[in-house]
Amino acid sequence: MAASRWSTFWRRTGRAFQDQSRRIINMEGAELPNRGPRLLYSFNTPEQASDVVLGCDADVGGFSSVNFALDTTSESERIGRPTGKFFGNLRLDVRPELVGRINSGYAGFKTEVRSTLFGKVTDNVYFHDYLALRVRAAGDPVLHKSYVVNVQTLDGMSHKTVWQQPLDIRRQDNDWETVYLPFSKFRVFTIGEPSPYLEYIDRENILTVGVAVLGGNHHASGPYELGLDSIWVANEPDLVEDSPGPNTYTSENAADPSSLTDPEKTL
């Protein structure tokens, strides 16, 4: 396992060097920026589905569970490919000695931090105004309004800061839908507490994207399940209702070394 992690690290470093060299040779950056939809993450292969970091209240004394796996059932076949599935069970109770001392009823995942010899890989989405997610809400409907999207930026990594916005689930029939979240409406949270100040997300250095279910906020518990196909960025002209997004899944993606596990796995 350790060997494969370091192998991924060095492959990613090589690609970063090649990409930077190509930009210099082609003088990329001089042309007008591409404002069209751009794929950030997809969850269509076993490697992509394993390339996430998980966490829940069980890490600190609660009893919730969290999983992320590739779904190859008929639910995924509706869109013609396997998809990711974030699922588990939320519980509000904690170990007796921790009653009143910790918060419970939460679980989440995020994409892994992509490290290279030149630093951490980030996504520059400065010229895009919306984060889009292709999702399918199942599980207990009482938890459908408890999902939030978390975005971590490079400057927020050291002090546990995330930018958060509710995931506005509209469908109640367990089918796929596309949710568009304006970057302007993400609020900053540090160690779970909202900031009293108005701060804007650093769209030039997106480090990770994740989803959490916060049942404890609404005193709600039970089984949760959220299907995820892809995450991308878009602008106003691209906000097509129920858009499948710019997913570039092909059979070759399954062998993409960028989807393998990275040395760092800390939520």
C-alpha atoms as a PDB file:
ATOM      1  CA  MET A   1       0.000   0.000   0.000  1.00  0.00           C
ATOM      2  CA  ALA A   2       2.800   2.432   0.930  1.00  0.00           C
ATOM      3  CA  ALA A   3       4.622   1.669  -2.326  1.00  0.00           C
ATOM      4  CA  SER A   4       1.514   2.437  -4.400  1.00  0.00           C
ATOM      5  CA  ARG A   5       1.000   5.726  -2.548  1.00  0.00           C
ATOM      6  CA  TRP A   6       4.513   6.874  -3.283  1.00  0.00           C
ATOM      7  CA  SER A   7       4.190   5.681  -6.856  1.00  0.00           C
ATOM      8  CA  THR A   8       1.118   7.888  -7.207  1.00  0.00           C
ATOM      9  CA  PHE A   9       3.020  10.804  -5.657  1.00  0.00           C
ATOM     10  CA  TRP A  10       5.831  10.536  -8.204  1.00  0.00           C
ATOM     11  CA  ARG A  11       3.450  10.077 -11.141  1.00  0.00           C
ATOM     12  CA  ARG A  12       1.558  13.183 -10.072  1.00  0.00           C
ATOM     13  CA  THR A  13       4.843  15.096  -9.722  1.00  0.00           C
ATOM     14  CA  GLY A  14       5.828  14.083 -13.250  1.00  0.00           C
ATOM     15  CA  ARG A  15       2.512  15.272 -14.654  1.00  0.00           C
ATOM     16  CA  ALA A  16       2.794  18.569 -12.793  1.00  0.00           C
ATOM     17  CA  PHE A  17       6.252  19.125 -14.314  1.00  0.00           C
ATOM     18  CA  GLN A  18       5.003  18.243 -17.797  1.00  0.00           C
ATOM     19  CA  ASP A  19       1.961  20.507 -17.476  1.00  0.00           C
ATOM     20  CA  GLN A  20       4.042  23.441 -16.302  1.00  0.00           C
ATOM     21  CA  SER A  21       6.575  22.914 -19.093  1.00  0.00           C
ATOM     22  CA  ARG A  22       3.782  22.768 -21.684  1.00  0.00           C
ATOM     23  CA  ARG A  23       2.295  26.040 -20.424  1.00  0.00           C
ATOM     24  CA  ILE A  24       5.651  27.772 -20.695  1.00  0.00           C
ATOM     25  CA  ILE A  25       6.403  26.399 -24.181  1.00  0.00           C
ATOM     26  CA  ASN A  26       2.895  27.192 -25.487  1.00  0.00           C
ATOM     27  CA  MET A  27       2.782  30.524 -23.623  1.00  0.00           C
ATOM     28  CA  GLU A  28      -0.575  29.501 -22.136  1.00  0.00           C
ATOM     29  CA  GLY A  29      -2.211  32.264 -20.138  1.00  0.00           C
ATOM     30  CA  ALA A  30      -1.846  34.884 -22.827  1.00  0.00           C
ATOM     31  CA  GLU A  31      -5.151  33.897 -24.435  1.00  0.00           C
ATOM     32  CA  LEU A  32      -8.597  34.663 -23.044  1.00  0.00           C
ATOM     33  CA  PRO A  33      -9.634  32.319 -20.204  1.00  0.00           C
ATOM     34  CA  ASN A  34     -11.989  29.443 -20.970  1.00  0.00           C
ATOM     35  CA  ARG A  35     -15.294  30.152 -19.215  1.00  0.00           C
ATOM     36  CA  GLY A  36     -17.056  26.992 -20.371  1.00  0.00           C
ATOM     37  CA  PRO A  37     -18.021  24.137 -18.035  1.00  0.00           C
ATOM     38  CA  ARG A  38     -14.971  22.328 -16.645  1.00  0.00           C
ATOM     39  CA  LEU A  39     -14.923  18.958 -14.907  1.00  0.00           C
ATOM     40  CA  LEU A  40     -13.170  18.840 -11.528  1.00  0.00           C
ATOM     41  CA  TYR A  41     -13.968  15.362 -10.214  1.00  0.00           C
ATOM     42  CA  SER A  42     -15.824  12.270 -11.398  1.00  0.00           C
ATOM     43  CA  PHE A  43     -16.659   9.097  -9.472  1.00  0.00           C
ATOM     44  CA  ASN A  44     -17.042   6.485 -12.200  1.00  0.00           C
ATOM     45  CA  THR A  45     -14.213   4.004 -11.571  1.00  0.00           C
ATOM     46  CA  PRO A  46     -13.050   1.990  -8.539  1.00  0.00           C
ATOM     47  CA  GLU A  47      -9.941   4.161  -8.339  1.00  0.00           C
ATOM     48  CA  GLN A  48     -11.922   7.408  -8.352  1.00  0.00           C
ATOM     49  CA  ALA A  49     -14.364   6.069  -5.760  1.00  0.00           C
ATOM     50  CA  SER A  50     -11.485   5.163  -3.431  1.00  0.00           C
ATOM     51  CA  ASP A  51      -9.770   8.522  -3.890  1.00  0.00           C
ATOM     52  CA  VAL A  52     -11.674  10.172  -1.018  1.00  0.00           C
ATOM     53  CA  VAL A  53     -11.147  10.785   2.689  1.00  0.00           C
ATOM     54  CA  LEU A  54     -13.887   9.764   5.137  1.00  0.00           C
ATOM     55  CA  GLY A  55     -14.838  10.959   8.604  1.00  0.00           C
ATOM     56  CA  CYS A  56     -17.743  10.841  11.054  1.00  0.00           C
ATOM     57  CA  ASP A  57     -18.566  11.326  14.726  1.00  0.00           C
ATOM     58  CA  ALA A  58     -17.379   7.770  15.448  1.00  0.00           C
ATOM     59  CA  ASP A  59     -13.858   9.236  15.192  1.00  0.00           C
ATOM     60  CA  VAL A  60     -14.429  11.163  18.442  1.00  0.00           C
ATOM     61  CA  GLY A  61     -16.821   8.924  20.390  1.00  0.00           C
ATOM     62  CA  GLY A  62     -20.090   8.808  18.456  1.00  0.00           C
ATOM     63  CA  PHE A  63     -21.752   5.863  16.741  1.00  0.00           C
ATOM     64  CA  SER A  64     -22.455   7.046  13.170  1.00  0.00           C
ATOM     65  CA  SER A  65     -20.969   5.195  10.201  1.00  0.00           C
ATOM     66  CA  VAL A  66     -19.602   6.437   6.875  1.00  0.00           C
ATOM     67  CA  ASN A  67     -18.783   4.704   3.575  1.00  0.00           C
ATOM     68  CA  PHE A  68     -17.998   5.646  -0.011  1.00  0.00           C
ATOM     69  CA  ALA A  69     -18.085   3.003  -2.752  1.00  0.00           C
ATOM     70  CA  LEU A  70     -18.641   2.498  -6.460  1.00  0.00           C
ATOM     71  CA  ASP A  71     -22.306   1.818  -7.252  1.00  0.00           C
ATOM     72  CA  THR A  72     -22.909  -0.456 -10.242  1.00  0.00           C
ATOM     73  CA  THR A  73     -26.610  -1.116  -9.574  1.00  0.00           C
ATOM     74  CA  SER A  74     -29.575  -0.049 -11.695  1.00  0.00           C
ATOM     75  CA  GLU A  75     -29.548   3.357  -9.975  1.00  0.00           C
ATOM     76  CA  SER A  76     -26.207   4.109 -11.633  1.00  0.00           C
ATOM     77  CA  GLU A  77     -27.196   2.405 -14.867  1.00  0.00           C
ATOM     78  CA  ARG A  78     -29.865   5.089 -15.341  1.00  0.00           C
ATOM     79  CA  ILE A  79     -27.096   7.443 -16.456  1.00  0.00           C
ATOM     80  CA  GLY A  80     -25.076   4.802 -18.292  1.00  0.00           C
ATOM     81  CA  ARG A  81     -22.064   4.343 -16.009  1.00  0.00           C
ATOM     82  CA  PRO A  82     -21.087   3.409 -12.446  1.00  0.00           C
ATOM     83  CA  THR A  83     -21.210   6.237  -9.910  1.00  0.00           C
ATOM     84  CA  GLY A  84     -20.035   6.968  -6.400  1.00  0.00           C
ATOM     85  CA  LYS A  85     -22.239   6.289  -3.377  1.00  0.00           C
ATOM     86  CA  PHE A  86     -21.812   8.071  -0.029  1.00  0.00           C
ATOM     87  CA  PHE A  87     -23.787   6.166   2.598  1.00  0.00           C
ATOM     88  CA  GLY A  88     -24.088   5.019   6.178  1.00  0.00           C
ATOM     89  CA  ASN A  89     -26.181   5.503   9.291  1.00  0.00           C
ATOM     90  CA  LEU A  90     -26.403   8.645  11.433  1.00  0.00           C
ATOM     91  CA  ARG A  91     -26.824   8.294  15.176  1.00  0.00           C
ATOM     92  CA  LEU A  92     -27.163  11.051  17.755  1.00  0.00           C
ATOM     93  CA  ASP A  93     -25.962   9.078  20.790  1.00  0.00           C
ATOM     94  CA  VAL A  94     -22.399   9.037  22.080  1.00  0.00           C
ATOM     95  CA  ARG A  95     -20.413   7.038  24.582  1.00  0.00           C
ATOM     96  CA  PRO A  96     -21.785   7.637  28.120  1.00  0.00           C
ATOM     97  CA  GLU A  97     -18.675   9.420  29.357  1.00  0.00           C
ATOM     98  CA  LEU A  98     -18.891  11.911  26.447  1.00  0.00           C
ATOM     99  CA  VAL A  99     -22.529  12.967  26.829  1.00  0.00           C
ATOM    100  CA  GLY A 100     -22.688  16.779  26.656  1.00  0.00           C
ATOM    101  CA  ARG A 101     -19.031  17.032  25.651  1.00  0.00           C
ATOM    102  CA  ILE A 102     -19.053  16.271  21.907  1.00  0.00           C
ATOM    103  CA  ASN A 103     -21.402  16.860  18.978  1.00  0.00           C
ATOM    104  CA  SER A 104     -22.721  13.835  17.097  1.00  0.00           C
ATOM    105  CA  GLY A 105     -24.890  13.034  14.081  1.00  0.00           C
ATOM    106  CA  TYR A 106     -22.453  13.863  11.283  1.00  0.00           C
ATOM    107  CA  ALA A 107     -20.529  12.106   8.525  1.00  0.00           C
ATOM    108  CA  GLY A 108     -18.679  13.314   5.452  1.00  0.00           C
ATOM    109  CA  PHE A 109     -16.154  12.753   2.708  1.00  0.00           C
ATOM    110  CA  LYS A 110     -13.813  14.962   0.733  1.00  0.00           C
ATOM    111  CA  THR A 111     -11.513  14.526  -2.232  1.00  0.00           C
ATOM    112  CA  GLU A 112      -7.925  13.815  -1.345  1.00  0.00           C
ATOM    113  CA  VAL A 113      -5.230  16.471  -1.186  1.00  0.00           C
ATOM    114  CA  ARG A 114      -3.105  15.942  -4.304  1.00  0.00           C
ATOM    115  CA  SER A 115       0.528  16.361  -3.311  1.00  0.00           C
ATOM    116  CA  THR A 116       3.553  16.605  -5.607  1.00  0.00           C
ATOM    117  CA  LEU A 117       7.222  17.451  -5.193  1.00  0.00           C
ATOM    118  CA  PHE A 118       6.296  21.014  -6.217  1.00  0.00           C
ATOM    119  CA  GLY A 119       3.549  21.400  -3.638  1.00  0.00           C
ATOM    120  CA  LYS A 120      -0.142  20.674  -3.490  1.00  0.00           C
ATOM    121  CA  VAL A 121      -2.258  20.644  -6.658  1.00  0.00           C
ATOM    122  CA  THR A 122      -5.124  23.156  -6.642  1.00  0.00           C
ATOM    123  CA  ASP A 123      -7.850  24.105  -9.109  1.00  0.00           C
ATOM    124  CA  ASN A 124      -8.125  27.692 -10.353  1.00  0.00           C
ATOM    125  CA  VAL A 125     -11.835  28.402 -10.934  1.00  0.00           C
ATOM    126  CA  TYR A 126     -11.575  32.193 -10.793  1.00  0.00           C
ATOM    127  CA  PHE A 127     -13.456  32.598 -14.084  1.00  0.00           C
ATOM    128  CA  HIS A 128     -16.361  30.385 -13.008  1.00  0.00           C
ATOM    129  CA  ASP A 129     -19.205  31.457 -10.713  1.00  0.00           C
ATOM    130  CA  TYR A 130     -20.874  28.154  -9.861  1.00  0.00           C
ATOM    131  CA  LEU A 131     -19.945  24.763  -8.440  1.00  0.00           C
ATOM    132  CA  ALA A 132     -22.174  22.025  -9.918  1.00  0.00           C
ATOM    133  CA  LEU A 133     -22.843  18.542  -8.551  1.00  0.00           C
ATOM    134  CA  ARG A 134     -24.692  15.648 -10.202  1.00  0.00           C
ATOM    135  CA  VAL A 135     -26.331  13.804  -7.288  1.00  0.00           C
ATOM    136  CA  ARG A 136     -29.047  11.348  -6.324  1.00  0.00           C
ATOM    137  CA  ALA A 137     -30.543  11.533  -2.818  1.00  0.00           C
ATOM    138  CA  ALA A 138     -31.810   8.260  -1.325  1.00  0.00           C
ATOM    139  CA  GLY A 139     -31.839   6.977   2.247  1.00  0.00           C
ATOM    140  CA  ASP A 140     -34.216   8.493   4.809  1.00  0.00           C
ATOM    141  CA  PRO A 141     -35.935  11.577   3.271  1.00  0.00           C
ATOM    142  CA  VAL A 142     -35.768  13.325   6.660  1.00  0.00           C
ATOM    143  CA  LEU A 143     -32.017  13.755   6.030  1.00  0.00           C
ATOM    144  CA  HIS A 144     -32.270  15.158   2.497  1.00  0.00           C
ATOM    145  CA  LYS A 145     -32.063  18.734   3.804  1.00  0.00           C
ATOM    146  CA  SER A 146     -29.079  17.937   6.014  1.00  0.00           C
ATOM    147  CA  TYR A 147     -26.435  17.705   3.257  1.00  0.00           C
ATOM    148  CA  VAL A 148     -23.838  20.445   2.860  1.00  0.00           C
ATOM    149  CA  VAL A 149     -20.978  20.967   0.401  1.00  0.00           C
ATOM    150  CA  ASN A 150     -17.557  21.799   1.822  1.00  0.00           C
ATOM    151  CA  VAL A 151     -14.755  23.437  -0.161  1.00  0.00           C
ATOM    152  CA  GLN A 152     -11.239  23.686   1.209  1.00  0.00           C
ATOM    153  CA  THR A 153      -8.761  26.233  -0.155  1.00  0.00           C
ATOM    154  CA  LEU A 154      -4.988  26.204   0.072  1.00  0.00           C
ATOM    155  CA  ASP A 155      -4.801  29.074   2.578  1.00  0.00           C
ATOM    156  CA  GLY A 156      -7.421  27.458   4.827  1.00  0.00           C
ATOM    157  CA  MET A 157      -5.706  24.088   5.183  1.00  0.00           C
ATOM    158  CA  SER A 158      -3.576  24.858   8.241  1.00  0.00           C
ATOM    159  CA  HIS A 159      -6.365  26.051  10.538  1.00  0.00           C
ATOM    160  CA  LYS A 160      -9.191  23.640   9.642  1.00  0.00           C
ATOM    161  CA  THR A 161     -11.219  26.159   7.659  1.00  0.00           C
ATOM    162  CA  VAL A 162     -13.836  25.120   5.120  1.00  0.00           C
ATOM    163  CA  TRP A 163     -16.270  27.035   2.940  1.00  0.00           C
ATOM    164  CA  GLN A 164     -19.742  25.606   3.264  1.00  0.00           C
ATOM    165  CA  GLN A 165     -23.135  25.834   1.567  1.00  0.00           C
ATOM    166  CA  PRO A 166     -26.269  23.659   1.857  1.00  0.00           C
ATOM    167  CA  LEU A 167     -26.785  21.113  -0.929  1.00  0.00           C
ATOM    168  CA  ASP A 168     -30.268  22.023  -2.118  1.00  0.00           C
ATOM    169  CA  ILE A 169     -31.883  18.647  -2.817  1.00  0.00           C
ATOM    170  CA  ARG A 170     -35.171  19.129  -4.683  1.00  0.00           C
ATOM    171  CA  ARG A 171     -36.165  15.668  -5.932  1.00  0.00           C
ATOM    172  CA  GLN A 172     -37.797  13.197  -3.561  1.00  0.00           C
ATOM    173  CA  ASP A 173     -38.003  10.248  -5.975  1.00  0.00           C
ATOM    174  CA  ASN A 174     -34.390   9.013  -5.563  1.00  0.00           C
ATOM    175  CA  ASP A 175     -33.537  10.059  -9.125  1.00  0.00           C
ATOM    176  CA  TRP A 176     -30.603  12.088 -10.415  1.00  0.00           C
ATOM    177  CA  GLU A 177     -30.524  15.891 -10.370  1.00  0.00           C
ATOM    178  CA  THR A 178     -28.001  18.678 -10.899  1.00  0.00           C
ATOM    179  CA  VAL A 179     -27.452  21.232  -8.145  1.00  0.00           C
ATOM    180  CA  TYR A 180     -25.734  24.563  -8.880  1.00  0.00           C
ATOM    181  CA  LEU A 181     -24.108  26.402  -5.976  1.00  0.00           C
ATOM    182  CA  PRO A 182     -22.887  29.988  -6.469  1.00  0.00           C
ATOM    183  CA  PHE A 183     -19.415  30.514  -5.050  1.00  0.00           C
ATOM    184  CA  SER A 184     -20.603  33.880  -3.704  1.00  0.00           C
ATOM    185  CA  LYS A 185     -22.888  32.116  -1.203  1.00  0.00           C
ATOM    186  CA  PHE A 186     -20.313  29.862   0.429  1.00  0.00           C
ATOM    187  CA  ARG A 187     -19.776  30.779   4.101  1.00  0.00           C
ATOM    188  CA  VAL A 188     -16.533  30.184   5.953  1.00  0.00           C
ATOM    189  CA  PHE A 189     -16.452  27.858   8.982  1.00  0.00           C
ATOM    190  CA  THR A 190     -13.465  27.266  11.261  1.00  0.00           C
ATOM    191  CA  ILE A 191     -13.555  24.112  13.406  1.00  0.00           C
ATOM    192  CA  GLY A 192     -17.290  23.926  12.765  1.00  0.00           C
ATOM    193  CA  GLU A 193     -18.092  27.503  13.785  1.00  0.00           C
ATOM    194  CA  PRO A 194     -19.247  30.168  11.273  1.00  0.00           C
ATOM    195  CA  SER A 195     -17.088  33.250  10.916  1.00  0.00           C
ATOM    196  CA  PRO A 196     -18.676  36.536  12.084  1.00  0.00           C
ATOM    197  CA  TYR A 197     -16.930  38.319   9.202  1.00  0.00           C
ATOM    198  CA  LEU A 198     -17.787  38.476   5.511  1.00  0.00           C
ATOM    199  CA  GLU A 199     -15.065  36.608   3.652  1.00  0.00           C
ATOM    200  CA  TYR A 200     -14.908  35.493   0.029  1.00  0.00           C
ATOM    201  CA  ILE A 201     -13.688  32.113  -1.064  1.00  0.00           C
ATOM    202  CA  ASP A 202     -10.297  31.940  -2.796  1.00  0.00           C
ATOM    203  CA  ARG A 203     -11.400  30.561  -6.165  1.00  0.00           C
ATOM    204  CA  GLU A 204      -7.842  30.490  -7.475  1.00  0.00           C
ATOM    205  CA  ASN A 205      -6.745  27.768  -5.037  1.00  0.00           C
ATOM    206  CA  ILE A 206      -9.460  25.134  -4.576  1.00  0.00           C
ATOM    207  CA  LEU A 207      -7.813  22.255  -2.726  1.00  0.00           C
ATOM    208  CA  THR A 208     -10.608  19.776  -1.956  1.00  0.00           C
ATOM    209  CA  VAL A 209     -14.361  19.430  -2.382  1.00  0.00           C
ATOM    210  CA  GLY A 210     -16.568  17.281  -0.194  1.00  0.00           C
ATOM    211  CA  VAL A 211     -20.068  16.579   1.063  1.00  0.00           C
ATOM    212  CA  ALA A 212     -21.248  16.074   4.644  1.00  0.00           C
ATOM    213  CA  VAL A 213     -24.565  15.139   6.211  1.00  0.00           C
ATOM    214  CA  LEU A 214     -25.238  17.066   9.430  1.00  0.00           C
ATOM    215  CA  GLY A 215     -28.207  15.337  10.994  1.00  0.00           C
ATOM    216  CA  GLY A 216     -27.276  16.584  14.437  1.00  0.00           C
ATOM    217  CA  ASN A 217     -28.120  20.144  13.361  1.00  0.00           C
ATOM    218  CA  HIS A 218     -31.758  19.107  12.907  1.00  0.00           C
ATOM    219  CA  HIS A 219     -31.901  16.353  15.557  1.00  0.00           C
ATOM    220  CA  ALA A 220     -32.367  13.905  12.670  1.00  0.00           C
ATOM    221  CA  SER A 221     -30.906  10.430  12.429  1.00  0.00           C
ATOM    222  CA  GLY A 222     -31.255   7.303  10.301  1.00  0.00           C
ATOM    223  CA  PRO A 223     -29.823   5.780   7.105  1.00  0.00           C
ATOM    224  CA  TYR A 224     -28.423   8.226   4.553  1.00  0.00           C
ATOM    225  CA  GLU A 225     -27.359   7.685   0.946  1.00  0.00           C
ATOM    226  CA  LEU A 226     -26.192  10.135  -1.700  1.00  0.00           C
ATOM    227  CA  GLY A 227     -25.151   9.097  -5.199  1.00  0.00           C
ATOM    228  CA  LEU A 228     -22.473  11.244  -6.878  1.00  0.00           C
ATOM    229  CA  ASP A 229     -21.545  11.194 -10.538  1.00  0.00           C
ATOM    230  CA  SER A 230     -19.371  14.274 -11.007  1.00  0.00           C
ATOM    231  CA  ILE A 231     -18.457  17.754  -9.787  1.00  0.00           C
ATOM    232  CA  TRP A 232     -17.682  20.633 -12.165  1.00  0.00           C
ATOM    233  CA  VAL A 233     -17.633  24.425 -12.460  1.00  0.00           C
ATOM    234  CA  ALA A 234     -19.892  26.521 -14.669  1.00  0.00           C
ATOM    235  CA  ASN A 235     -21.162  30.014 -15.431  1.00  0.00           C
ATOM    236  CA  GLU A 236     -24.624  31.515 -15.852  1.00  0.00           C
ATOM    237  CA  PRO A 237     -25.091  30.461 -19.513  1.00  0.00           C
ATOM    238  CA  ASP A 238     -24.287  26.848 -18.544  1.00  0.00           C
ATOM    239  CA  LEU A 239     -26.999  26.473 -15.880  1.00  0.00           C
ATOM    240  CA  VAL A 240     -29.076  23.938 -17.756  1.00  0.00           C
ATOM    241  CA  GLU A 241     -31.677  22.196 -15.607  1.00  0.00           C
ATOM    242  CA  ASP A 242     -30.784  18.552 -14.977  1.00  0.00           C
ATOM    243  CA  SER A 243     -27.551  18.864 -16.982  1.00  0.00           C
ATOM    244  CA  PRO A 244     -25.370  15.719 -16.919  1.00  0.00           C
ATOM    245  CA  GLY A 245     -22.300  17.977 -16.892  1.00  0.00           C
ATOM    246  CA  PRO A 246     -19.040  17.750 -18.841  1.00  0.00           C
ATOM    247  CA  ASN A 247     -18.272  14.224 -17.654  1.00  0.00           C
ATOM    248  CA  THR A 248     -15.406  12.743 -19.660  1.00  0.00           C
ATOM    249  CA  TYR A 249     -15.627   9.177 -18.368  1.00  0.00           C
ATOM    250  CA  THR A 250     -14.182   6.535 -20.684  1.00  0.00           C
ATOM    251  CA  SER A 251     -12.916   3.023 -20.088  1.00  0.00           C
ATOM    252  CA  GLU A 252      -9.369   4.377 -20.127  1.00  0.00           C
ATOM    253  CA  ASN A 253     -10.068   6.444 -16.986  1.00  0.00           C
ATOM    254  CA  ALA A 254      -9.964   3.273 -14.921  1.00  0.00           C
ATOM    255  CA  ALA A 255      -6.193   3.107 -15.442  1.00  0.00           C
ATOM    256  CA  ASP A 256      -5.565   6.785 -14.664  1.00  0.00           C
ATOM    257  CA  PRO A 257      -2.845   6.836 -11.980  1.00  0.00           C
ATOM    258  CA  SER A 258      -4.064  10.240 -10.749  1.00  0.00           C
ATOM    259  CA  SER A 259      -7.003   8.450  -9.127  1.00  0.00           C
ATOM    260  CA  LEU A 260      -4.878   6.213  -6.922  1.00  0.00           C
ATOM    261  CA  THR A 261      -4.427   6.742  -3.199  1.00  0.00           C
ATOM    262  CA  ASP A 262      -2.193   9.618  -2.093  1.00  0.00           C
ATOM    263  CA  PRO A 263       0.235   9.611   0.870  1.00  0.00           C
ATOM    264  CA  GLU A 264      -1.968  12.046   2.851  1.00  0.00           C
ATOM    265  CA  LYS A 265      -5.351  10.951   4.218  1.00  0.00           C
ATOM    266  CA  THR A 266      -6.535  13.403   6.863  1.00  0.00           C
ATOM    267  CA  LEU A 267     -10.071  14.756   6.957  1.00  0.00           C
END
